Amino acid sequence: MNLEARKIEFVQEFLKLQSEEVISRLEKILKKECNFSEVKKFEPMTQEELDKRIDQSEADFLNKRYKSSSELLAKYE
């Protein structure tokens, strides 16, 4: 199926939706994707930035500043 056909099928399914909650979630996804595509250029981290981020993550973990995967999944269900 080509992109145009997929878009048409998606819009047709979208028009059938009756749940305001589902429509809101799809709107958020669309806005997020549009904002993401506006990002001009990907710039990789330097080794120093990466090391600093790793150190911060390890410190956060040791100080119990994290969420479990089940907590994250529950947020999006």
PDB file of N, CA and C in Angstrom:
ATOM      1  N   MET A   1       0.850  -1.170   0.000  1.00  0.00           N
ATOM      2  CA  MET A   1       0.000   0.000   0.000  1.00  0.00           C
ATOM      3  C   MET A   1       0.898   1.235   0.000  1.00  0.00           C
ATOM      4  N   ASN A   2       0.646   2.167  -0.916  1.00  0.00           N
ATOM      5  CA  ASN A   2       1.484   3.355  -0.978  1.00  0.00           C
ATOM      6  C   ASN A   2       1.070   4.376   0.088  1.00  0.00           C
ATOM      7  N   LEU A   3       1.856   5.416   0.224  1.00  0.00           N
ATOM      8  CA  LEU A   3       1.638   6.405   1.277  1.00  0.00           C
ATOM      9  C   LEU A   3       0.292   7.107   1.126  1.00  0.00           C
ATOM     10  N   GLU A   4      -0.079   7.482  -0.065  1.00  0.00           N
ATOM     11  CA  GLU A   4      -1.354   8.167  -0.281  1.00  0.00           C
ATOM     12  C   GLU A   4      -2.537   7.291   0.133  1.00  0.00           C
ATOM     13  N   ALA A   5      -2.491   6.030  -0.217  1.00  0.00           N
ATOM     14  CA  ALA A   5      -3.570   5.107   0.149  1.00  0.00           C
ATOM     15  C   ALA A   5      -3.625   4.927   1.664  1.00  0.00           C
ATOM     16  N   ARG A   6      -2.476   4.867   2.304  1.00  0.00           N
ATOM     17  CA  ARG A   6      -2.437   4.733   3.755  1.00  0.00           C
ATOM     18  C   ARG A   6      -3.024   5.963   4.433  1.00  0.00           C
ATOM     19  N   LYS A   7      -2.714   7.136   3.901  1.00  0.00           N
ATOM     20  CA  LYS A   7      -3.265   8.375   4.464  1.00  0.00           C
ATOM     21  C   LYS A   7      -4.788   8.387   4.356  1.00  0.00           C
ATOM     22  N   ILE A   8      -5.283   8.025   3.211  1.00  0.00           N
ATOM     23  CA  ILE A   8      -6.736   8.000   2.999  1.00  0.00           C
ATOM     24  C   ILE A   8      -7.392   7.013   3.950  1.00  0.00           C
ATOM     25  N   GLU A   9      -6.811   5.833   4.074  1.00  0.00           N
ATOM     26  CA  GLU A   9      -7.363   4.826   4.982  1.00  0.00           C
ATOM     27  C   GLU A   9      -7.337   5.326   6.429  1.00  0.00           C
ATOM     28  N   PHE A  10      -6.246   5.985   6.810  1.00  0.00           N
ATOM     29  CA  PHE A  10      -6.139   6.523   8.162  1.00  0.00           C
ATOM     30  C   PHE A  10      -7.214   7.574   8.421  1.00  0.00           C
ATOM     31  N   VAL A  11      -7.398   8.486   7.489  1.00  0.00           N
ATOM     32  CA  VAL A  11      -8.407   9.541   7.650  1.00  0.00           C
ATOM     33  C   VAL A  11      -9.801   8.935   7.735  1.00  0.00           C
ATOM     34  N   GLN A  12     -10.074   7.941   6.928  1.00  0.00           N
ATOM     35  CA  GLN A  12     -11.383   7.293   6.973  1.00  0.00           C
ATOM     36  C   GLN A  12     -11.625   6.658   8.346  1.00  0.00           C
ATOM     37  N   GLU A  13     -10.625   5.986   8.886  1.00  0.00           N
ATOM     38  CA  GLU A  13     -10.757   5.379  10.210  1.00  0.00           C
ATOM     39  C   GLU A  13     -10.885   6.458  11.286  1.00  0.00           C
ATOM     40  N   PHE A  14     -10.125   7.538  11.128  1.00  0.00           N
ATOM     41  CA  PHE A  14     -10.185   8.647  12.082  1.00  0.00           C
ATOM     42  C   PHE A  14     -11.592   9.243  12.132  1.00  0.00           C
ATOM     43  N   LEU A  15     -12.213   9.394  10.981  1.00  0.00           N
ATOM     44  CA  LEU A  15     -13.555   9.971  10.924  1.00  0.00           C
ATOM     45  C   LEU A  15     -14.606   9.091  11.596  1.00  0.00           C
ATOM     46  N   LYS A  16     -14.325   7.820  11.738  1.00  0.00           N
ATOM     47  CA  LYS A  16     -15.260   6.898  12.394  1.00  0.00           C
ATOM     48  C   LYS A  16     -15.157   6.955  13.923  1.00  0.00           C
ATOM     49  N   LEU A  17     -14.080   7.536  14.435  1.00  0.00           N
ATOM     50  CA  LEU A  17     -13.860   7.549  15.875  1.00  0.00           C
ATOM     51  C   LEU A  17     -14.961   8.308  16.602  1.00  0.00           C
ATOM     52  N   GLN A  18     -15.365   7.772  17.747  1.00  0.00           N
ATOM     53  CA  GLN A  18     -16.382   8.405  18.579  1.00  0.00           C
ATOM     54  C   GLN A  18     -15.820   8.824  19.936  1.00  0.00           C
ATOM     55  N   SER A  19     -14.629   8.368  20.255  1.00  0.00           N
ATOM     56  CA  SER A  19     -14.033   8.632  21.561  1.00  0.00           C
ATOM     57  C   SER A  19     -13.217   9.926  21.530  1.00  0.00           C
ATOM     58  N   GLU A  20     -13.637  10.869  22.362  1.00  0.00           N
ATOM     59  CA  GLU A  20     -12.917  12.133  22.451  1.00  0.00           C
ATOM     60  C   GLU A  20     -11.508  11.916  23.012  1.00  0.00           C
ATOM     61  N   GLU A  21     -11.383  10.934  23.902  1.00  0.00           N
ATOM     62  CA  GLU A  21     -10.084  10.625  24.491  1.00  0.00           C
ATOM     63  C   GLU A  21      -9.096  10.131  23.428  1.00  0.00           C
ATOM     64  N   VAL A  22      -9.555   9.261  22.563  1.00  0.00           N
ATOM     65  CA  VAL A  22      -8.687   8.732  21.498  1.00  0.00           C
ATOM     66  C   VAL A  22      -8.293   9.849  20.548  1.00  0.00           C
ATOM     67  N   ILE A  23      -9.241  10.704  20.208  1.00  0.00           N
ATOM     68  CA  ILE A  23      -8.940  11.826  19.311  1.00  0.00           C
ATOM     69  C   ILE A  23      -7.916  12.746  19.958  1.00  0.00           C
ATOM     70  N   SER A  24      -8.058  13.014  21.246  1.00  0.00           N
ATOM     71  CA  SER A  24      -7.087  13.860  21.956  1.00  0.00           C
ATOM     72  C   SER A  24      -5.699  13.244  21.930  1.00  0.00           C
ATOM     73  N   ARG A  25      -5.622  11.929  22.145  1.00  0.00           N
ATOM     74  CA  ARG A  25      -4.320  11.257  22.119  1.00  0.00           C
ATOM     75  C   ARG A  25      -3.691  11.336  20.737  1.00  0.00           C
ATOM     76  N   LEU A  26      -4.497  11.157  19.702  1.00  0.00           N
ATOM     77  CA  LEU A  26      -3.969  11.252  18.339  1.00  0.00           C
ATOM     78  C   LEU A  26      -3.523  12.686  18.021  1.00  0.00           C
ATOM     79  N   GLU A  27      -4.256  13.672  18.517  1.00  0.00           N
ATOM     80  CA  GLU A  27      -3.853  15.067  18.320  1.00  0.00           C
ATOM     81  C   GLU A  27      -2.503  15.330  18.972  1.00  0.00           C
ATOM     82  N   LYS A  28      -2.313  14.816  20.185  1.00  0.00           N
ATOM     83  CA  LYS A  28      -1.033  14.999  20.877  1.00  0.00           C
ATOM     84  C   LYS A  28       0.112  14.357  20.101  1.00  0.00           C
ATOM     85  N   ILE A  29      -0.138  13.164  19.584  1.00  0.00           N
ATOM     86  CA  ILE A  29       0.894  12.471  18.797  1.00  0.00           C
ATOM     87  C   ILE A  29       1.239  13.287  17.558  1.00  0.00           C
ATOM     88  N   LEU A  30       0.223  13.789  16.878  1.00  0.00           N
ATOM     89  CA  LEU A  30       0.449  14.572  15.663  1.00  0.00           C
ATOM     90  C   LEU A  30       1.239  15.842  15.970  1.00  0.00           C
ATOM     91  N   LYS A  31       0.863  16.547  17.040  1.00  0.00           N
ATOM     92  CA  LYS A  31       1.591  17.768  17.414  1.00  0.00           C
ATOM     93  C   LYS A  31       3.037  17.456  17.751  1.00  0.00           C
ATOM     94  N   LYS A  32       3.244  16.361  18.488  1.00  0.00           N
ATOM     95  CA  LYS A  32       4.590  15.975  18.870  1.00  0.00           C
ATOM     96  C   LYS A  32       5.433  15.660  17.630  1.00  0.00           C
ATOM     97  N   GLU A  33       4.843  14.937  16.686  1.00  0.00           N
ATOM     98  CA  GLU A  33       5.561  14.581  15.460  1.00  0.00           C
ATOM     99  C   GLU A  33       5.871  15.821  14.615  1.00  0.00           C
ATOM    100  N   CYS A  34       4.940  16.765  14.567  1.00  0.00           N
ATOM    101  CA  CYS A  34       5.173  17.999  13.809  1.00  0.00           C
ATOM    102  C   CYS A  34       6.299  18.806  14.435  1.00  0.00           C
ATOM    103  N   ASN A  35       6.300  18.885  15.763  1.00  0.00           N
ATOM    104  CA  ASN A  35       7.376  19.599  16.450  1.00  0.00           C
ATOM    105  C   ASN A  35       8.709  18.906  16.232  1.00  0.00           C
ATOM    106  N   PHE A  36       8.698  17.576  16.251  1.00  0.00           N
ATOM    107  CA  PHE A  36       9.928  16.818  16.045  1.00  0.00           C
ATOM    108  C   PHE A  36      10.499  17.076  14.659  1.00  0.00           C
ATOM    109  N   SER A  37       9.636  17.156  13.658  1.00  0.00           N
ATOM    110  CA  SER A  37      10.121  17.353  12.291  1.00  0.00           C
ATOM    111  C   SER A  37      10.667  18.757  12.078  1.00  0.00           C
ATOM    112  N   GLU A  38      10.329  19.677  12.987  1.00  0.00           N
ATOM    113  CA  GLU A  38      10.841  21.037  12.877  1.00  0.00           C
ATOM    114  C   GLU A  38      12.260  21.169  13.419  1.00  0.00           C
ATOM    115  N   VAL A  39      12.714  20.145  14.118  1.00  0.00           N
ATOM    116  CA  VAL A  39      14.076  20.185  14.634  1.00  0.00           C
ATOM    117  C   VAL A  39      15.010  20.265  13.433  1.00  0.00           C
ATOM    118  N   LYS A  40      15.849  21.271  13.448  1.00  0.00           N
ATOM    119  CA  LYS A  40      16.651  21.551  12.261  1.00  0.00           C
ATOM    120  C   LYS A  40      17.679  20.480  11.941  1.00  0.00           C
ATOM    121  N   LYS A  41      18.465  20.133  12.917  1.00  0.00           N
ATOM    122  CA  LYS A  41      19.582  19.255  12.599  1.00  0.00           C
ATOM    123  C   LYS A  41      19.961  18.446  13.832  1.00  0.00           C
ATOM    124  N   PHE A  42      20.212  17.187  13.623  1.00  0.00           N
ATOM    125  CA  PHE A  42      20.675  16.335  14.707  1.00  0.00           C
ATOM    126  C   PHE A  42      22.158  16.559  14.912  1.00  0.00           C
ATOM    127  N   GLU A  43      22.529  16.861  16.141  1.00  0.00           N
ATOM    128  CA  GLU A  43      23.942  17.016  16.454  1.00  0.00           C
ATOM    129  C   GLU A  43      24.300  16.001  17.531  1.00  0.00           C
ATOM    130  N   PRO A  44      25.163  15.067  17.210  1.00  0.00           N
ATOM    131  CA  PRO A  44      25.534  14.042  18.194  1.00  0.00           C
ATOM    132  C   PRO A  44      26.264  14.663  19.383  1.00  0.00           C
ATOM    133  N   MET A  45      26.173  13.987  20.521  1.00  0.00           N
ATOM    134  CA  MET A  45      26.873  14.444  21.716  1.00  0.00           C
ATOM    135  C   MET A  45      28.366  14.214  21.569  1.00  0.00           C
ATOM    136  N   THR A  46      29.097  15.044  22.255  1.00  0.00           N
ATOM    137  CA  THR A  46      30.532  14.798  22.336  1.00  0.00           C
ATOM    138  C   THR A  46      30.747  13.678  23.354  1.00  0.00           C
ATOM    139  N   GLN A  47      31.915  13.120  23.373  1.00  0.00           N
ATOM    140  CA  GLN A  47      32.223  12.072  24.357  1.00  0.00           C
ATOM    141  C   GLN A  47      32.085  12.626  25.766  1.00  0.00           C
ATOM    142  N   GLU A  48      32.502  13.870  25.952  1.00  0.00           N
ATOM    143  CA  GLU A  48      32.410  14.508  27.273  1.00  0.00           C
ATOM    144  C   GLU A  48      30.943  14.656  27.707  1.00  0.00           C
ATOM    145  N   GLU A  49      30.079  15.073  26.788  1.00  0.00           N
ATOM    146  CA  GLU A  49      28.653  15.198  27.104  1.00  0.00           C
ATOM    147  C   GLU A  49      28.037  13.844  27.441  1.00  0.00           C
ATOM    148  N   LEU A  50      28.400  12.841  26.693  1.00  0.00           N
ATOM    149  CA  LEU A  50      27.896  11.498  26.934  1.00  0.00           C
ATOM    150  C   LEU A  50      28.345  10.987  28.305  1.00  0.00           C
ATOM    151  N   ASP A  51      29.618  11.170  28.619  1.00  0.00           N
ATOM    152  CA  ASP A  51      30.139  10.744  29.924  1.00  0.00           C
ATOM    153  C   ASP A  51      29.419  11.467  31.060  1.00  0.00           C
ATOM    154  N   LYS A  52      29.174  12.753  30.885  1.00  0.00           N
ATOM    155  CA  LYS A  52      28.480  13.541  31.911  1.00  0.00           C
ATOM    156  C   LYS A  52      27.053  13.027  32.099  1.00  0.00           C
ATOM    157  N   ARG A  53      26.392  12.711  31.009  1.00  0.00           N
ATOM    158  CA  ARG A  53      25.020  12.193  31.076  1.00  0.00           C
ATOM    159  C   ARG A  53      24.996  10.821  31.774  1.00  0.00           C
ATOM    160  N   ILE A  54      25.960   9.980  31.473  1.00  0.00           N
ATOM    161  CA  ILE A  54      26.056   8.663  32.122  1.00  0.00           C
ATOM    162  C   ILE A  54      26.268   8.831  33.621  1.00  0.00           C
ATOM    163  N   ASP A  55      27.183   9.728  33.989  1.00  0.00           N
ATOM    164  CA  ASP A  55      27.444   9.974  35.415  1.00  0.00           C
ATOM    165  C   ASP A  55      26.183  10.463  36.127  1.00  0.00           C
ATOM    166  N   GLN A  56      25.444  11.373  35.485  1.00  0.00           N
ATOM    167  CA  GLN A  56      24.216  11.902  36.087  1.00  0.00           C
ATOM    168  C   GLN A  56      23.176  10.795  36.233  1.00  0.00           C
ATOM    169  N   SER A  57      23.053   9.950  35.220  1.00  0.00           N
ATOM    170  CA  SER A  57      22.085   8.844  35.271  1.00  0.00           C
ATOM    171  C   SER A  57      22.423   7.868  36.391  1.00  0.00           C
ATOM    172  N   GLU A  58      23.678   7.557  36.533  1.00  0.00           N
ATOM    173  CA  GLU A  58      24.089   6.645  37.602  1.00  0.00           C
ATOM    174  C   GLU A  58      23.824   7.255  38.971  1.00  0.00           C
ATOM    175  N   ALA A  59      24.094   8.553  39.125  1.00  0.00           N
ATOM    176  CA  ALA A  59      23.821   9.235  40.399  1.00  0.00           C
ATOM    177  C   ALA A  59      22.323   9.244  40.678  1.00  0.00           C
ATOM    178  N   ASP A  60      21.514   9.502  39.663  1.00  0.00           N
ATOM    179  CA  ASP A  60      20.056   9.483  39.833  1.00  0.00           C
ATOM    180  C   ASP A  60      19.592   8.104  40.293  1.00  0.00           C
ATOM    181  N   PHE A  61      20.129   7.082  39.693  1.00  0.00           N
ATOM    182  CA  PHE A  61      19.739   5.722  40.069  1.00  0.00           C
ATOM    183  C   PHE A  61      20.111   5.430  41.528  1.00  0.00           C
ATOM    184  N   LEU A  62      21.329   5.777  41.912  1.00  0.00           N
ATOM    185  CA  LEU A  62      21.775   5.527  43.278  1.00  0.00           C
ATOM    186  C   LEU A  62      20.930   6.292  44.298  1.00  0.00           C
ATOM    187  N   ASN A  63      20.426   7.461  43.897  1.00  0.00           N
ATOM    188  CA  ASN A  63      19.611   8.291  44.787  1.00  0.00           C
ATOM    189  C   ASN A  63      18.110   8.056  44.587  1.00  0.00           C
ATOM    190  N   LYS A  64      17.786   6.956  43.912  1.00  0.00           N
ATOM    191  CA  LYS A  64      16.405   6.527  43.690  1.00  0.00           C
ATOM    192  C   LYS A  64      15.543   7.579  42.987  1.00  0.00           C
ATOM    193  N   ARG A  65      16.162   8.319  42.056  1.00  0.00           N
ATOM    194  CA  ARG A  65      15.427   9.294  41.242  1.00  0.00           C
ATOM    195  C   ARG A  65      15.201   8.678  39.852  1.00  0.00           C
ATOM    196  N   TYR A  66      14.265   7.741  39.818  1.00  0.00           N
ATOM    197  CA  TYR A  66      13.947   7.078  38.563  1.00  0.00           C
ATOM    198  C   TYR A  66      12.550   6.492  38.655  1.00  0.00           C
ATOM    199  N   LYS A  67      12.015   6.054  37.511  1.00  0.00           N
ATOM    200  CA  LYS A  67      10.720   5.381  37.461  1.00  0.00           C
ATOM    201  C   LYS A  67      10.938   3.988  36.884  1.00  0.00           C
ATOM    202  N   SER A  68      10.186   3.047  37.395  1.00  0.00           N
ATOM    203  CA  SER A  68      10.286   1.684  36.878  1.00  0.00           C
ATOM    204  C   SER A  68       9.577   1.614  35.523  1.00  0.00           C
ATOM    205  N   SER A  69       9.867   0.583  34.772  1.00  0.00           N
ATOM    206  CA  SER A  69       9.220   0.435  33.472  1.00  0.00           C
ATOM    207  C   SER A  69       7.707   0.265  33.634  1.00  0.00           C
ATOM    208  N   SER A  70       7.270  -0.388  34.706  1.00  0.00           N
ATOM    209  CA  SER A  70       5.826  -0.548  34.920  1.00  0.00           C
ATOM    210  C   SER A  70       5.161   0.803  35.209  1.00  0.00           C
ATOM    211  N   GLU A  71       5.857   1.686  35.910  1.00  0.00           N
ATOM    212  CA  GLU A  71       5.322   3.030  36.152  1.00  0.00           C
ATOM    213  C   GLU A  71       5.200   3.812  34.839  1.00  0.00           C
ATOM    214  N   LEU A  72       6.200   3.679  33.989  1.00  0.00           N
ATOM    215  CA  LEU A  72       6.156   4.373  32.695  1.00  0.00           C
ATOM    216  C   LEU A  72       5.049   3.823  31.818  1.00  0.00           C
ATOM    217  N   LEU A  73       4.915   2.510  31.784  1.00  0.00           N
ATOM    218  CA  LEU A  73       3.872   1.891  30.972  1.00  0.00           C
ATOM    219  C   LEU A  73       2.494   2.291  31.456  1.00  0.00           C
ATOM    220  N   ALA A  74       2.305   2.363  32.765  1.00  0.00           N
ATOM    221  CA  ALA A  74       1.002   2.743  33.324  1.00  0.00           C
ATOM    222  C   ALA A  74       0.628   4.162  32.911  1.00  0.00           C
ATOM    223  N   LYS A  75       1.614   5.010  32.760  1.00  0.00           N
ATOM    224  CA  LYS A  75       1.367   6.402  32.361  1.00  0.00           C
ATOM    225  C   LYS A  75       0.734   6.481  30.960  1.00  0.00           C
ATOM    226  N   TYR A  76       1.084   5.572  30.088  1.00  0.00           N
ATOM    227  CA  TYR A  76       0.642   5.636  28.691  1.00  0.00           C
ATOM    228  C   TYR A  76      -0.472   4.648  28.351  1.00  0.00           C
ATOM    229  N   GLU A  77      -0.994   3.967  29.336  1.00  0.00           N
ATOM    230  CA  GLU A  77      -2.096   3.035  29.065  1.00  0.00           C
ATOM    231  C   GLU A  77      -3.423   3.730  29.156  1.00  0.00           C
TER     232      GLU A  77
END
